[in-house]
Amino acid sequence: MSGPAPNVCGVISPFPPRRLGTADILADMAAMVWRNRVLAVLAVALVSGELFLVEAIMRHLALTDTRAWLWAALANAPLIMLCNYAIAAPLIGAERLFPRRWSLLGLPGYLATSLITTIGFYAGLALLVLPGLLLLARLSIAGPCVIARGLGPLAALRTSWQATRESTGAILAVLVLIRAIELAGRFAFSGHFGDPSLALGPVLTSLRDMVSAIGQTATIFACVAVFALLSGAREPAMADVFG
């Protein structure tokens, strides 16, 4: 793979009609991770460090019950969104997916988009799970649309909804695969899926947080790969994964 072709400065073209396969997304994601392996390692360190710090604070305050953990997770959501932005923006820049000069002014729009997507996802999960998963797939590139194309939250959500229509199944398969691997890793270190890791020792806690960070980082890379493919910035090329 010769790398993504840069967009014409200042020109924001509509997404061309395109249907992606699961293998297309995984191949482009793998190539993207390889090209940006230093960023990927730093991203995992950033997220795992943030998670470990939150758990250390909770342990220090003796907040060990599940209800306290849930409240802490809710309070930590804005920091997680900031971490996601700190990963996605440099990645999109490194992949030359900006049609114009990037600006920090996109941060509020990214946070608002992430908040809307998260609320929609959990609301959908409450409705027999499937609606939440479909929303997760259909809105998966809303964040990259804000960063790369300077769209507002509503425009980014609308663009993502329209662009992913023909590739919903493939995107969902990739996101579910990443989440399943992450949950399996977390279970391996703690013996359960959803309970807090405060009862674990520091070593196991850090390892479990690293698994979560890898899953979160992989999800961001997957969404950016989907954006690159659907926007027409790059053609699917499974044969040249590490070219």
Protein backbone atom coordinates (compact mmCIF):
# COMPACT_ATOMS: atom_id res chain seq x y z
CA MET A 1 0.00 0.00 0.00
CA SER A 2 1.49 3.31 -1.04
CA GLY A 3 -0.37 5.32 1.59
CA PRO A 4 -3.43 7.53 1.47
CA ALA A 5 -3.63 10.23 -1.11
CA PRO A 6 -3.98 13.67 0.44
CA ASN A 7 -7.26 15.46 0.00
CA VAL A 8 -7.40 18.70 -1.94
CA CYS A 9 -7.05 21.55 0.54
CA GLY A 10 -10.32 23.23 1.28
CA VAL A 11 -12.45 20.83 -0.74
CA ILE A 12 -14.91 18.68 1.20
CA SER A 13 -16.44 16.19 -1.21
CA PRO A 14 -19.44 14.00 -0.38
CA PHE A 15 -18.89 10.37 0.56
CA PRO A 16 -19.10 8.16 -2.56
CA PRO A 17 -21.48 5.17 -2.41
CA ARG A 18 -19.43 2.24 -1.10
CA ARG A 19 -19.96 -1.14 0.52
CA LEU A 20 -17.17 -2.44 2.76
CA GLY A 21 -16.48 -5.98 3.87
CA THR A 22 -15.19 -7.02 7.27
CA ALA A 23 -11.89 -8.11 5.74
CA ASP A 24 -11.48 -4.69 4.07
CA ILE A 25 -11.80 -2.89 7.40
CA LEU A 26 -9.52 -5.29 9.28
CA ALA A 27 -6.87 -5.11 6.56
CA ASP A 28 -6.85 -1.31 6.46
CA MET A 29 -6.91 -1.13 10.25
CA ALA A 30 -3.93 -3.50 10.48
CA ALA A 31 -2.00 -1.44 7.95
CA MET A 32 -2.88 1.75 9.83
CA VAL A 33 -1.69 0.29 13.13
CA TRP A 34 1.57 -0.78 11.51
CA ARG A 35 2.20 2.65 9.96
CA ASN A 36 1.37 4.39 13.23
CA ARG A 37 2.74 1.82 15.67
CA VAL A 38 4.44 4.42 17.85
CA LEU A 39 1.19 6.36 18.18
CA ALA A 40 -0.65 3.11 18.95
CA VAL A 41 1.74 2.29 21.80
CA LEU A 42 1.48 5.82 23.20
CA ALA A 43 -2.30 5.65 22.95
CA VAL A 44 -2.44 2.40 24.93
CA ALA A 45 -0.13 3.93 27.55
CA LEU A 46 -2.29 7.05 27.79
CA VAL A 47 -5.59 5.23 28.22
CA SER A 48 -4.28 2.52 30.55
CA GLY A 49 -2.55 5.16 32.69
CA GLU A 50 -5.75 7.18 32.94
CA LEU A 51 -7.77 4.11 33.93
CA PHE A 52 -5.19 3.02 36.50
CA LEU A 53 -5.11 6.52 38.02
CA VAL A 54 -8.89 6.58 38.43
CA GLU A 55 -8.87 3.18 40.10
CA ALA A 56 -6.00 4.21 42.37
CA ILE A 57 -8.02 7.24 43.50
CA MET A 58 -11.05 5.07 44.16
CA ARG A 59 -8.93 2.62 46.14
CA HIS A 60 -7.46 5.48 48.17
CA LEU A 61 -10.97 6.75 48.96
CA ALA A 62 -12.08 3.20 49.84
CA LEU A 63 -14.80 3.25 47.17
CA THR A 64 -14.93 -0.46 46.56
CA ASP A 65 -18.60 -1.28 45.89
CA THR A 66 -20.09 -1.66 42.42
CA ARG A 67 -22.34 1.40 42.75
CA ALA A 68 -19.34 3.64 43.48
CA TRP A 69 -17.52 2.13 40.52
CA LEU A 70 -20.44 2.93 38.22
CA TRP A 71 -20.55 6.54 39.39
CA ALA A 72 -16.79 6.81 38.92
CA ALA A 73 -17.09 5.40 35.40
CA LEU A 74 -19.75 8.01 34.62
CA ALA A 75 -17.61 10.83 36.01
CA ASN A 76 -14.63 9.53 34.07
CA ALA A 77 -16.46 9.55 30.73
CA PRO A 78 -15.36 13.10 29.76
CA LEU A 79 -11.70 12.18 30.37
CA ILE A 80 -12.11 9.07 28.23
CA MET A 81 -13.57 11.21 25.45
CA LEU A 82 -10.59 13.57 25.72
CA CYS A 83 -8.24 10.59 25.49
CA ASN A 84 -10.11 9.40 22.40
CA TYR A 85 -9.71 12.81 20.79
CA ALA A 86 -6.01 12.89 21.71
CA ILE A 87 -5.63 9.61 19.82
CA ALA A 88 -7.98 10.17 16.87
CA ALA A 89 -6.79 13.68 15.90
CA PRO A 90 -3.06 12.80 15.53
CA LEU A 91 -3.99 9.55 13.78
CA ILE A 92 -6.18 11.34 11.24
CA GLY A 93 -3.41 13.87 10.74
CA ALA A 94 -0.76 11.17 10.27
CA GLU A 95 -2.99 9.48 7.69
CA ARG A 96 -3.40 12.81 5.84
CA LEU A 97 -7.18 12.70 6.00
CA PHE A 98 -7.62 16.41 6.68
CA PRO A 99 -9.15 18.36 3.78
CA ARG A 100 -8.04 21.56 5.48
CA ARG A 101 -5.90 22.71 8.40
CA TRP A 102 -6.82 21.00 11.65
CA SER A 103 -7.86 23.13 14.61
CA LEU A 104 -8.52 22.56 18.31
CA LEU A 105 -11.83 24.32 17.69
CA GLY A 106 -13.12 20.90 16.66
CA LEU A 107 -12.71 19.54 20.20
CA PRO A 108 -16.08 20.80 21.56
CA GLY A 109 -17.86 19.37 18.52
CA TYR A 110 -16.07 16.05 18.96
CA LEU A 111 -17.02 15.87 22.64
CA ALA A 112 -20.65 16.72 21.85
CA THR A 113 -20.74 14.10 19.10
CA SER A 114 -19.22 11.48 21.41
CA LEU A 115 -21.74 12.32 24.12
CA ILE A 116 -24.70 11.98 21.74
CA THR A 117 -23.33 8.72 20.35
CA THR A 118 -22.75 7.29 23.83
CA ILE A 119 -26.24 8.22 25.02
CA GLY A 120 -27.77 6.73 21.88
CA PHE A 121 -25.74 3.55 22.28
CA TYR A 122 -26.78 2.91 25.88
CA ALA A 123 -30.37 3.90 25.17
CA GLY A 124 -30.34 1.41 22.30
CA LEU A 125 -28.88 -1.28 24.52
CA ALA A 126 -31.81 -0.79 26.86
CA LEU A 127 -34.08 -1.58 23.89
CA LEU A 128 -33.15 -5.26 23.49
CA VAL A 129 -29.45 -4.59 22.71
CA LEU A 130 -29.67 -4.73 18.89
CA PRO A 131 -30.67 -1.05 18.39
CA GLY A 132 -27.67 0.03 20.43
CA LEU A 133 -25.30 -2.09 18.36
CA LEU A 134 -26.77 -0.75 15.12
CA LEU A 135 -26.37 2.83 16.35
CA LEU A 136 -22.77 2.06 17.30
CA ALA A 137 -22.03 0.94 13.75
CA ARG A 138 -24.00 3.63 11.93
CA LEU A 139 -22.47 6.48 13.98
CA SER A 140 -18.96 5.02 14.08
CA ILE A 141 -17.36 7.67 11.85
CA ALA A 142 -19.14 10.71 13.30
CA GLY A 143 -16.09 11.61 15.39
CA PRO A 144 -13.66 11.41 12.45
CA CYS A 145 -16.11 13.52 10.41
CA VAL A 146 -15.87 16.27 13.03
CA ILE A 147 -12.07 16.15 13.15
CA ALA A 148 -11.27 15.58 9.48
CA ARG A 149 -14.03 17.58 7.81
CA GLY A 150 -14.85 20.24 10.37
CA LEU A 151 -18.51 19.25 10.58
CA GLY A 152 -20.76 20.16 13.48
CA PRO A 153 -22.13 17.39 15.70
CA LEU A 154 -25.48 17.03 13.92
CA ALA A 155 -23.96 17.18 10.45
CA ALA A 156 -21.33 14.62 11.45
CA LEU A 157 -23.95 12.25 12.86
CA ARG A 158 -26.06 12.62 9.72
CA THR A 159 -23.05 12.04 7.46
CA SER A 160 -22.01 8.95 9.39
CA TRP A 161 -25.54 7.58 9.34
CA GLN A 162 -25.78 7.93 5.56
CA ALA A 163 -22.24 6.80 4.69
CA THR A 164 -22.31 3.58 6.75
CA ARG A 165 -25.70 2.40 5.50
CA GLU A 166 -24.31 -0.19 3.06
CA SER A 167 -21.53 -1.35 5.41
CA THR A 168 -23.36 -1.66 8.72
CA GLY A 169 -22.87 -5.41 9.07
CA ALA A 170 -19.14 -5.29 8.35
CA ILE A 171 -18.52 -2.37 10.72
CA LEU A 172 -20.55 -4.01 13.46
CA ALA A 173 -18.67 -7.30 13.03
CA VAL A 174 -15.33 -5.53 13.48
CA LEU A 175 -16.44 -3.54 16.53
CA VAL A 176 -18.01 -6.60 18.17
CA LEU A 177 -14.86 -8.64 17.46
CA ILE A 178 -12.68 -6.02 19.15
CA ARG A 179 -15.01 -5.85 22.13
CA ALA A 180 -15.19 -9.65 22.46
CA ILE A 181 -11.39 -9.95 22.49
CA GLU A 182 -11.19 -7.15 25.06
CA LEU A 183 -13.76 -8.79 27.34
CA ALA A 184 -11.99 -12.14 27.06
CA GLY A 185 -8.73 -10.49 28.10
CA ARG A 186 -10.35 -8.70 31.01
CA PHE A 187 -11.94 -11.96 32.15
CA ALA A 188 -8.57 -13.70 32.00
CA PHE A 189 -7.11 -11.27 34.54
CA SER A 190 -10.08 -10.83 36.88
CA GLY A 191 -12.36 -13.84 36.50
CA HIS A 192 -15.42 -11.71 35.67
CA PHE A 193 -16.57 -9.23 33.01
CA GLY A 194 -18.38 -6.32 34.63
CA ASP A 195 -17.32 -5.94 38.26
CA PRO A 196 -14.70 -3.37 39.26
CA SER A 197 -11.08 -4.44 39.42
CA LEU A 198 -10.46 -2.73 42.77
CA ALA A 199 -10.09 -6.09 44.51
CA LEU A 200 -7.18 -6.98 42.23
CA GLY A 201 -3.58 -6.25 43.03
CA PRO A 202 -1.72 -3.42 41.29
CA VAL A 203 -0.08 -5.72 38.74
CA LEU A 204 -3.29 -7.45 37.66
CA THR A 205 -5.13 -4.12 37.69
CA SER A 206 -2.54 -2.55 35.38
CA LEU A 207 -2.68 -5.56 33.06
CA ARG A 208 -6.47 -5.46 32.96
CA ASP A 209 -6.40 -1.72 32.27
CA MET A 210 -3.91 -2.32 29.47
CA VAL A 211 -6.29 -4.81 27.87
CA SER A 212 -9.09 -2.22 28.08
CA ALA A 213 -6.78 0.41 26.60
CA ILE A 214 -5.84 -1.87 23.70
CA GLY A 215 -9.53 -2.45 22.98
CA GLN A 216 -10.30 1.26 23.11
CA THR A 217 -7.33 2.15 20.90
CA ALA A 218 -8.22 -0.59 18.41
CA THR A 219 -11.77 0.76 18.22
CA ILE A 220 -10.49 4.24 17.36
CA PHE A 221 -8.17 2.85 14.69
CA ALA A 222 -11.05 0.81 13.26
CA CYS A 223 -13.35 3.84 13.07
CA VAL A 224 -10.66 5.94 11.37
CA ALA A 225 -10.02 3.08 8.92
CA VAL A 226 -13.73 2.95 8.11
CA PHE A 227 -13.74 6.72 7.61
CA ALA A 228 -10.73 6.55 5.26
CA LEU A 229 -12.34 3.81 3.18
CA LEU A 230 -15.84 5.28 3.03
CA SER A 231 -14.65 8.82 2.32
CA GLY A 232 -12.76 7.64 -0.74
CA ALA A 233 -9.38 8.68 0.68
CA ARG A 234 -8.21 5.10 0.26
CA GLU A 235 -9.26 2.06 -1.75
CA PRO A 236 -9.55 -1.35 -0.07
CA ALA A 237 -6.29 -3.24 -0.71
CA MET A 238 -6.16 -6.40 1.36
CA ALA A 239 -3.14 -7.75 -0.44
CA ASP A 240 -0.90 -4.85 0.63
CA VAL A 241 -1.59 -4.74 4.33
CA PHE A 242 1.96 -3.94 5.37
CA GLY A 243 3.11 -2.21 2.22
